N, C-alpha and C. Protein backbone atom coordinates (compact mmCIF):
# COMPACT_ATOMS: atom_id res chain seq x y z
N MET A 1 18.10 0.73 -22.24
CA MET A 1 16.57 0.15 -22.19
C MET A 1 15.91 -0.30 -20.73
N LYS A 2 15.55 0.41 -19.70
CA LYS A 2 14.55 0.26 -18.75
C LYS A 2 13.31 -0.42 -19.02
N LEU A 3 12.46 -1.25 -18.60
CA LEU A 3 11.26 -1.19 -18.82
C LEU A 3 10.72 -1.33 -17.45
N ARG A 4 9.38 -0.91 -16.70
CA ARG A 4 9.04 -1.38 -15.75
C ARG A 4 7.71 -0.93 -15.85
N MET A 5 6.52 -1.82 -15.44
CA MET A 5 5.34 -1.82 -15.46
C MET A 5 4.78 -0.07 -14.67
N HIS A 6 4.01 0.84 -16.01
CA HIS A 6 3.55 1.55 -15.51
C HIS A 6 1.95 2.02 -14.88
N HIS A 7 1.22 1.13 -15.63
CA HIS A 7 -0.09 1.72 -15.62
C HIS A 7 -1.21 0.56 -16.30
N ILE A 8 -2.34 0.54 -16.14
CA ILE A 8 -3.50 -0.18 -17.07
C ILE A 8 -4.24 0.80 -16.92
N ASN A 9 -4.41 1.18 -18.58
CA ASN A 9 -5.69 1.71 -18.36
C ASN A 9 -6.83 1.17 -19.41
N LEU A 10 -7.99 1.07 -18.28
CA LEU A 10 -9.42 0.46 -18.78
C LEU A 10 -10.22 1.32 -19.24
N VAL A 11 -11.16 1.46 -20.43
CA VAL A 11 -11.35 2.19 -21.33
C VAL A 11 -13.20 2.30 -20.48
N SER A 12 -13.67 3.66 -20.39
CA SER A 12 -14.98 3.21 -20.34
C SER A 12 -16.48 4.48 -20.65
N ASP A 13 -17.41 3.69 -21.29
CA ASP A 13 -18.33 4.92 -21.43
C ASP A 13 -18.64 5.84 -20.34
N ASP A 14 -18.34 5.28 -19.18
CA ASP A 14 -19.10 6.26 -17.78
C ASP A 14 -17.73 6.38 -17.03
N VAL A 15 -16.45 7.05 -17.13
CA VAL A 15 -15.91 7.29 -16.51
C VAL A 15 -15.89 7.38 -14.62
N PRO A 16 -17.01 8.06 -14.43
CA PRO A 16 -17.29 8.53 -13.04
C PRO A 16 -18.24 7.00 -12.56
N ARG A 17 -19.25 6.17 -12.91
CA ARG A 17 -19.33 5.31 -12.37
C ARG A 17 -17.82 4.26 -12.24
N MET A 18 -17.12 4.33 -13.08
CA MET A 18 -15.58 3.51 -13.45
C MET A 18 -14.43 3.58 -11.80
N ASP A 19 -14.60 5.17 -11.73
CA ASP A 19 -14.16 5.81 -10.85
C ASP A 19 -14.48 4.98 -8.97
N ARG A 20 -16.10 5.24 -9.20
CA ARG A 20 -16.82 5.15 -8.05
C ARG A 20 -16.86 3.63 -7.84
N PHE A 21 -16.52 2.70 -8.90
CA PHE A 21 -16.56 0.83 -8.95
C PHE A 21 -14.97 1.15 -8.21
N TYR A 22 -13.87 1.56 -8.49
CA TYR A 22 -12.64 1.04 -8.27
C TYR A 22 -12.00 1.68 -6.74
N ARG A 23 -12.40 2.71 -6.44
CA ARG A 23 -12.14 3.72 -5.30
C ARG A 23 -13.38 2.81 -4.19
N LYS A 24 -14.63 2.25 -4.37
CA LYS A 24 -15.09 1.93 -3.26
C LYS A 24 -14.89 0.75 -2.66
N VAL A 25 -15.24 -0.06 -4.29
CA VAL A 25 -15.16 -1.43 -3.86
C VAL A 25 -14.40 -2.41 -3.96
N MET A 26 -13.18 -1.84 -4.83
CA MET A 26 -11.92 -2.20 -5.07
C MET A 26 -10.95 -1.41 -4.05
N GLU A 27 -11.24 -0.64 -3.59
CA GLU A 27 -10.78 0.59 -2.12
C GLU A 27 -9.71 0.82 -2.70
N GLN A 28 -9.33 1.09 -4.38
CA GLN A 28 -7.93 1.37 -4.48
C GLN A 28 -8.03 2.80 -4.47
N PRO A 29 -7.10 4.28 -3.96
CA PRO A 29 -7.68 5.57 -4.13
C PRO A 29 -7.27 5.99 -4.71
N ARG A 30 -7.98 7.44 -5.02
CA ARG A 30 -7.03 7.78 -6.17
C ARG A 30 -6.43 8.54 -6.55
N ALA A 31 -5.31 8.59 -7.18
CA ALA A 31 -3.62 8.57 -7.71
C ALA A 31 -3.54 9.65 -7.04
N ASP A 32 -2.44 10.44 -6.47
CA ASP A 32 -1.63 11.99 -6.67
C ASP A 32 -0.39 11.80 -6.74
N LYS A 33 0.29 10.84 -7.30
CA LYS A 33 1.80 11.02 -7.59
C LYS A 33 2.11 10.83 -9.04
N ASP A 34 3.04 11.71 -9.57
CA ASP A 34 3.68 11.15 -10.85
C ASP A 34 1.91 11.54 -12.06
N LEU A 35 1.23 12.14 -11.63
CA LEU A 35 0.05 12.33 -13.01
C LEU A 35 0.11 12.65 -13.75
N PRO A 36 0.06 12.08 -14.95
CA PRO A 36 0.36 12.80 -16.47
C PRO A 36 -0.89 14.07 -16.22
N VAL A 37 -0.17 14.80 -17.35
CA VAL A 37 -0.68 15.75 -17.79
C VAL A 37 -1.44 16.13 -18.82
N LEU A 38 -2.94 16.09 -19.03
CA LEU A 38 -3.48 15.36 -20.39
C LEU A 38 -3.85 16.77 -21.10
N GLU A 39 -3.09 16.49 -22.58
CA GLU A 39 -3.18 17.26 -23.63
C GLU A 39 -4.60 17.33 -24.31
N LYS A 40 -5.89 18.08 -23.78
CA LYS A 40 -7.45 17.91 -24.12
C LYS A 40 -7.40 18.42 -25.83
N THR A 41 -6.12 19.25 -26.43
CA THR A 41 -6.34 19.65 -27.42
C THR A 41 -5.67 18.97 -28.71
N LYS A 42 -5.02 18.08 -27.87
CA LYS A 42 -4.15 17.63 -29.76
C LYS A 42 -4.38 16.08 -30.17
N GLY A 43 -5.71 16.21 -29.84
CA GLY A 43 -6.43 14.69 -30.20
C GLY A 43 -7.66 13.96 -29.42
N TYR A 44 -7.17 14.09 -28.24
CA TYR A 44 -7.45 13.26 -27.29
C TYR A 44 -8.69 13.98 -25.77
N ALA A 45 -9.25 14.47 -25.61
CA ALA A 45 -9.80 15.37 -24.71
C ALA A 45 -10.94 14.79 -23.76
N GLY A 46 -10.90 13.23 -23.69
CA GLY A 46 -11.95 12.41 -22.82
C GLY A 46 -11.68 12.68 -21.16
N ASP A 47 -12.76 12.47 -20.05
CA ASP A 47 -12.24 12.33 -19.02
C ASP A 47 -11.62 11.32 -18.59
N VAL A 48 -10.68 11.28 -17.86
CA VAL A 48 -9.93 10.36 -16.99
C VAL A 48 -10.03 10.30 -15.40
N ALA A 49 -9.83 9.42 -14.65
CA ALA A 49 -9.56 9.32 -13.17
C ALA A 49 -8.84 8.54 -13.32
N PHE A 50 -8.11 8.58 -11.95
CA PHE A 50 -6.83 8.11 -11.62
C PHE A 50 -7.07 7.39 -10.48
N VAL A 51 -6.60 6.20 -10.30
CA VAL A 51 -6.49 5.03 -8.78
C VAL A 51 -5.47 4.60 -8.89
N THR A 52 -4.92 3.86 -7.29
CA THR A 52 -3.89 3.32 -7.91
C THR A 52 -4.04 2.36 -6.04
N ASP A 53 -3.38 1.09 -6.52
CA ASP A 53 -2.70 0.11 -5.78
C ASP A 53 -1.46 1.02 -4.91
N GLY A 54 -1.23 1.69 -5.24
CA GLY A 54 0.68 2.60 -4.23
C GLY A 54 1.23 2.05 -4.94
N ALA A 55 1.97 1.25 -6.30
CA ALA A 55 2.28 0.65 -7.12
C ALA A 55 2.25 0.70 -7.97
N ILE A 56 1.32 0.68 -9.01
CA ILE A 56 0.53 0.57 -10.04
C ILE A 56 -0.79 1.38 -10.11
N GLN A 57 -0.76 2.64 -11.33
CA GLN A 57 -1.80 3.54 -11.54
C GLN A 57 -2.44 2.40 -12.31
N THR A 58 -3.79 2.18 -12.51
CA THR A 58 -5.50 2.53 -13.15
C THR A 58 -5.61 3.85 -13.51
N HIS A 59 -5.53 3.79 -15.07
CA HIS A 59 -6.05 4.70 -15.20
C HIS A 59 -7.21 4.58 -16.03
N LEU A 60 -8.39 5.56 -15.97
CA LEU A 60 -9.96 5.10 -16.23
C LEU A 60 -10.48 5.97 -17.17
N ALA A 61 -10.17 5.87 -18.61
CA ALA A 61 -10.59 6.59 -19.76
C ALA A 61 -11.85 6.49 -20.58
N GLN A 62 -11.75 7.65 -20.61
CA GLN A 62 -13.60 7.52 -21.65
C GLN A 62 -13.18 7.02 -22.49
N ARG A 63 -14.43 6.22 -23.29
CA ARG A 63 -13.71 5.85 -24.63
C ARG A 63 -13.79 6.60 -25.99
N ASP A 64 -13.19 6.65 -27.11
CA ASP A 64 -13.18 7.94 -27.83
C ASP A 64 -12.91 7.36 -29.45
N LEU A 65 -13.70 6.45 -29.84
CA LEU A 65 -13.12 5.72 -31.34
C LEU A 65 -12.52 6.89 -32.39
N LYS A 66 -12.39 7.60 -32.60
CA LYS A 66 -12.20 8.73 -33.10
C LYS A 66 -10.42 8.77 -33.09
N ALA A 67 -10.36 8.63 -31.62
CA ALA A 67 -8.94 9.11 -31.50
C ALA A 67 -7.50 9.10 -32.42
N GLY A 68 -8.41 7.74 -33.09
CA GLY A 68 -6.68 7.47 -33.82
C GLY A 68 -6.78 8.82 -35.33
N PHE A 69 -8.10 8.64 -35.85
CA PHE A 69 -8.25 9.64 -36.68
C PHE A 69 -7.79 11.03 -36.45
N ALA A 70 -7.91 11.17 -34.95
CA ALA A 70 -7.88 12.79 -34.25
C ALA A 70 -6.66 12.87 -34.74
N THR A 71 -5.22 12.26 -34.01
CA THR A 71 -3.85 12.55 -34.32
C THR A 71 -3.56 11.61 -35.41
N GLY A 72 -4.06 11.20 -36.14
CA GLY A 72 -3.54 10.01 -37.26
C GLY A 72 -2.46 8.96 -37.24
N GLN A 73 -2.91 8.41 -36.23
CA GLN A 73 -1.89 7.19 -35.78
C GLN A 73 -3.18 5.86 -35.82
N ILE A 74 -2.37 4.73 -36.06
CA ILE A 74 -2.89 3.12 -36.81
C ILE A 74 -3.58 3.06 -34.98
N VAL A 75 -3.02 2.96 -34.09
CA VAL A 75 -3.73 2.14 -32.77
C VAL A 75 -4.06 3.14 -32.18
N ASN A 76 -4.87 2.87 -31.96
CA ASN A 76 -5.93 3.67 -31.14
C ASN A 76 -6.15 3.23 -29.02
N PRO A 77 -5.55 4.11 -28.59
CA PRO A 77 -5.31 3.08 -27.09
C PRO A 77 -6.84 4.09 -26.07
N VAL A 78 -7.43 4.65 -26.68
CA VAL A 78 -8.58 4.42 -25.79
C VAL A 78 -9.96 3.78 -26.62
N GLU A 79 -9.68 3.08 -27.48
CA GLU A 79 -10.90 2.39 -27.95
C GLU A 79 -11.18 1.33 -27.20
N ARG A 80 -10.22 0.31 -26.36
CA ARG A 80 -10.70 -0.90 -25.43
C ARG A 80 -9.66 -0.80 -24.53
N GLY A 81 -8.85 0.12 -24.17
CA GLY A 81 -7.88 0.25 -23.47
C GLY A 81 -6.70 -0.23 -23.69
N HIS A 82 -5.50 -0.50 -22.66
CA HIS A 82 -4.11 -1.24 -22.65
C HIS A 82 -3.02 -1.03 -21.56
N ILE A 83 -2.22 -1.39 -21.31
CA ILE A 83 -0.93 -1.62 -20.40
C ILE A 83 -0.15 -1.13 -20.45
N ALA A 84 0.70 -0.53 -20.21
CA ALA A 84 1.80 0.59 -20.21
C ALA A 84 2.54 0.38 -19.06
N PHE A 85 4.16 0.60 -20.27
CA PHE A 85 5.38 0.92 -19.37
C PHE A 85 6.00 1.55 -19.38
N ARG A 86 7.06 2.06 -18.78
CA ARG A 86 7.74 3.32 -18.59
C ARG A 86 9.27 2.85 -18.94
N THR A 87 9.85 3.44 -19.94
CA THR A 87 11.12 3.60 -20.70
C THR A 87 12.53 4.54 -19.80
N ASP A 88 13.41 4.88 -20.46
CA ASP A 88 13.90 5.26 -19.84
C ASP A 88 15.06 5.71 -21.07
N ASP A 89 14.77 5.45 -22.34
CA ASP A 89 15.37 5.05 -23.41
C ASP A 89 14.03 4.83 -24.07
N LEU A 90 12.98 5.64 -24.89
CA LEU A 90 12.89 5.19 -25.71
C LEU A 90 13.36 4.97 -27.26
N GLU A 91 13.66 5.92 -27.68
CA GLU A 91 14.57 5.77 -29.02
C GLU A 91 15.06 4.55 -29.26
N ALA A 92 15.66 4.14 -28.03
CA ALA A 92 15.96 2.30 -28.32
C ALA A 92 15.09 1.59 -28.16
N PHE A 93 13.66 1.71 -27.72
CA PHE A 93 12.74 0.62 -27.69
C PHE A 93 12.68 0.96 -28.97
N LYS A 94 12.38 1.78 -29.44
CA LYS A 94 11.41 2.06 -30.59
C LYS A 94 12.64 1.17 -31.62
N ALA A 95 14.14 1.33 -31.93
CA ALA A 95 15.08 0.68 -32.57
C ALA A 95 15.79 -0.77 -32.55
N HIS A 96 14.81 -1.03 -31.07
CA HIS A 96 14.46 -3.21 -30.78
C HIS A 96 12.90 -2.75 -31.02
N LEU A 97 11.91 -2.45 -31.61
CA LEU A 97 10.75 -2.47 -31.84
C LEU A 97 11.16 -3.00 -33.67
N ASP A 98 11.79 -2.14 -34.12
CA ASP A 98 11.92 -1.91 -35.53
C ASP A 98 12.88 -3.37 -36.24
N ALA A 99 14.13 -3.23 -34.93
CA ALA A 99 14.28 -4.95 -35.62
C ALA A 99 13.85 -5.87 -35.75
N ARG A 100 12.74 -6.43 -34.96
CA ARG A 100 11.85 -7.07 -34.42
C ARG A 100 10.29 -7.30 -35.50
N GLY A 101 10.48 -5.88 -36.16
CA GLY A 101 9.45 -6.25 -37.53
C GLY A 101 8.11 -5.10 -36.01
N VAL A 102 8.13 -5.10 -34.90
CA VAL A 102 7.05 -4.35 -34.66
C VAL A 102 6.50 -3.34 -34.99
N PRO A 103 5.49 -3.22 -35.47
CA PRO A 103 4.85 -1.18 -36.21
C PRO A 103 4.29 -1.13 -35.05
N TYR A 104 4.62 0.52 -34.80
CA TYR A 104 3.90 1.11 -34.11
C TYR A 104 3.22 2.31 -34.60
N SER A 105 2.48 2.71 -33.25
CA SER A 105 2.06 4.40 -33.59
C SER A 105 2.73 5.17 -32.40
N ASP A 106 3.59 6.16 -33.17
CA ASP A 106 3.93 7.45 -32.21
C ASP A 106 3.66 8.40 -31.94
N TRP A 107 3.12 8.49 -30.91
CA TRP A 107 1.85 9.62 -30.11
C TRP A 107 2.05 10.66 -29.79
N GLY A 108 4.03 11.23 -30.13
CA GLY A 108 4.63 11.60 -29.62
C GLY A 108 4.24 12.28 -28.18
N ASP A 109 3.40 13.38 -28.03
CA ASP A 109 3.22 14.17 -26.83
C ASP A 109 2.22 14.22 -26.68
N ARG A 110 1.17 14.06 -27.56
CA ARG A 110 -0.20 14.38 -28.00
C ARG A 110 -1.73 14.18 -27.47
N ALA A 111 -1.24 12.67 -26.22
CA ALA A 111 -2.15 13.08 -24.98
C ALA A 111 -1.37 13.54 -23.85
N VAL A 112 -0.47 13.28 -23.78
CA VAL A 112 -0.09 13.60 -22.24
C VAL A 112 1.03 14.47 -22.30
N ALA A 113 1.26 16.07 -21.71
CA ALA A 113 2.53 17.05 -21.48
C ALA A 113 3.50 16.12 -20.95
N GLY A 114 4.85 16.13 -21.89
CA GLY A 114 6.04 15.69 -20.90
C GLY A 114 6.29 14.25 -20.95
N TRP A 115 5.38 12.61 -22.18
CA TRP A 115 5.45 12.17 -21.85
C TRP A 115 5.39 11.46 -23.45
N HIS A 116 6.46 10.67 -24.06
CA HIS A 116 6.25 10.73 -25.34
C HIS A 116 6.23 9.48 -25.71
N GLN A 117 4.75 8.79 -26.18
CA GLN A 117 3.93 7.58 -26.02
C GLN A 117 4.17 7.16 -27.23
N ILE A 118 4.67 5.65 -27.51
CA ILE A 118 4.38 4.52 -28.65
C ILE A 118 3.37 4.14 -28.07
N PHE A 119 2.40 3.54 -29.18
CA PHE A 119 1.35 2.44 -28.97
C PHE A 119 1.51 1.16 -30.40
N PHE A 120 1.67 -0.53 -29.18
CA PHE A 120 1.56 -1.24 -30.43
C PHE A 120 0.19 -2.51 -29.69
N TYR A 121 0.19 -3.29 -30.89
CA TYR A 121 -0.09 -4.52 -30.79
C TYR A 121 0.48 -5.84 -29.82
N ASP A 122 -0.16 -6.53 -29.55
CA ASP A 122 0.72 -7.62 -28.80
C ASP A 122 0.42 -8.95 -29.84
N PRO A 123 1.00 -10.42 -30.03
CA PRO A 123 0.05 -11.07 -30.72
C PRO A 123 -1.06 -11.75 -31.29
N ASP A 124 -1.81 -11.48 -29.53
CA ASP A 124 -3.24 -11.47 -29.81
C ASP A 124 -3.94 -10.24 -29.92
N GLY A 125 -3.40 -9.08 -29.72
CA GLY A 125 -4.26 -7.31 -30.50
C GLY A 125 -4.45 -6.79 -29.21
N ASN A 126 -3.84 -6.81 -28.01
CA ASN A 126 -3.83 -6.03 -26.66
C ASN A 126 -3.40 -5.29 -27.06
N VAL A 127 -3.12 -3.66 -26.50
CA VAL A 127 -2.92 -2.74 -27.00
C VAL A 127 -1.18 -2.51 -26.25
N ILE A 128 -0.35 -2.16 -25.95
CA ILE A 128 0.68 -2.17 -25.44
C ILE A 128 0.74 -0.67 -24.89
N GLU A 129 1.33 0.40 -24.65
CA GLU A 129 1.87 1.83 -24.70
C GLU A 129 3.70 1.27 -23.76
N VAL A 130 3.78 2.75 -24.23
CA VAL A 130 5.88 2.52 -23.51
C VAL A 130 5.84 3.94 -23.76
N HIS A 131 6.24 4.49 -23.03
CA HIS A 131 6.62 5.77 -22.99
C HIS A 131 7.76 6.51 -21.70
N GLU A 132 8.09 7.44 -22.60
CA GLU A 132 9.01 7.48 -22.28
C GLU A 132 9.19 9.45 -20.83
N LYS A 133 9.67 9.20 -19.80
CA LYS A 133 8.75 10.62 -19.39
C LYS A 133 9.75 11.54 -19.21
N ARG A 134 9.44 12.95 -20.20
CA ARG A 134 10.09 13.83 -20.50
C ARG A 134 10.03 15.60 -19.96
N GLU A 135 10.95 15.92 -19.96
CA GLU A 135 10.45 17.55 -19.28
C GLU A 135 10.01 18.10 -20.88
N THR A 136 9.19 18.80 -20.21
CA THR A 136 7.93 19.80 -20.73
C THR A 136 8.77 20.58 -21.77
N GLY A 137 8.03 20.23 -23.12
CA GLY A 137 9.16 21.24 -24.23
C GLY A 137 9.96 20.16 -25.00
N ALA A 138 10.56 19.55 -24.05
CA ALA A 138 11.51 18.58 -24.74
C ALA A 138 11.44 17.95 -25.61
């Protein structure tokens, strides 16, 4: 079970303003590779922009305080943002969390087609995503 940093998600009430800031002030171009296909009918339909430093993406997502309710999940990744890791074996990582007593919300592919995502909190309440990229429909 290998983990690597994939993206940082920042939440905003004004995604276009954040997009302009990160592209113009921070000189981060729009991301154009390995972009998620958003599932706008499964619980989160917010606006999202994608920028990158060439290695790590930054996802600029519209705040949605009701996304957790819409999906039936405890952890809401678009309430205040999160950091995200990609793994090659999500089931092994979930077993790893279970063995350590760390609860998580299993969003499956409700937000992104082809990504099975889980979300949990670190000891200070920061949201962490771990996802595995899977073939759509898998």
